[in-house]
Amino acid sequence: MAKKKRPKMTPEEHARRDETQRTVRERIASHAKAREEDERRSKQQR
């Protein structure tokens, strides 16, 4: 099966994608931090 050729992105599309990727990375990091804090709290309560 042939790969689809992606259309060239405009500078605005690149900027929007970069911003979206940055916010996604921040969200993932904040969720990981919250999960660690929850684990730490549950261990302290035991």
Protein backbone atom coordinates (compact mmCIF):
# COMPACT_ATOMS: atom_id res chain seq x y z
CA MET A 1 0.00 0.00 0.00
CA ALA A 2 1.39 3.39 -0.98
CA LYS A 3 1.94 6.12 1.55
CA LYS A 4 -0.17 9.23 1.23
CA LYS A 5 1.72 12.37 0.38
CA ARG A 6 1.17 15.05 3.00
CA PRO A 7 0.40 18.56 1.80
CA LYS A 8 2.96 21.23 2.58
CA MET A 9 2.13 23.19 5.71
CA THR A 10 2.06 26.96 5.79
CA PRO A 11 4.09 28.83 8.43
CA GLU A 12 0.84 29.53 10.30
CA GLU A 13 0.00 25.82 10.35
CA HIS A 14 3.50 25.01 11.63
CA ALA A 15 3.15 27.61 14.39
CA ARG A 16 -0.29 26.29 15.39
CA ARG A 17 1.01 22.71 15.44
CA ASP A 18 4.05 23.69 17.53
CA GLU A 19 1.81 25.48 20.04
CA THR A 20 -0.56 22.51 20.21
CA GLN A 21 2.32 20.09 20.76
CA ARG A 22 3.70 22.30 23.54
CA THR A 23 0.38 22.38 25.37
CA VAL A 24 -0.03 18.61 24.98
CA ARG A 25 3.44 18.03 26.51
CA GLU A 26 2.57 20.37 29.41
CA ARG A 27 -0.73 18.55 30.01
CA ILE A 28 0.98 15.14 30.02
CA ALA A 29 3.58 16.41 32.47
CA SER A 30 0.96 17.88 34.80
CA HIS A 31 -1.03 14.63 34.80
CA ALA A 32 2.11 12.64 35.60
CA LYS A 33 2.94 15.02 38.45
CA ALA A 34 -0.59 14.76 39.84
CA ARG A 35 -0.43 10.95 39.66
CA GLU A 36 2.88 10.97 41.59
CA GLU A 37 1.39 13.24 44.24
CA ASP A 38 -1.66 10.97 44.60
CA GLU A 39 0.61 7.95 45.03
CA ARG A 40 2.70 9.80 47.62
CA ARG A 41 -0.44 10.80 49.57
CA SER A 42 -1.81 7.26 49.56
CA LYS A 43 1.49 5.91 50.89
CA GLN A 44 1.55 8.52 53.67
CA GLN A 45 -1.96 7.63 54.80
CA ARG A 46 -1.12 3.96 55.31
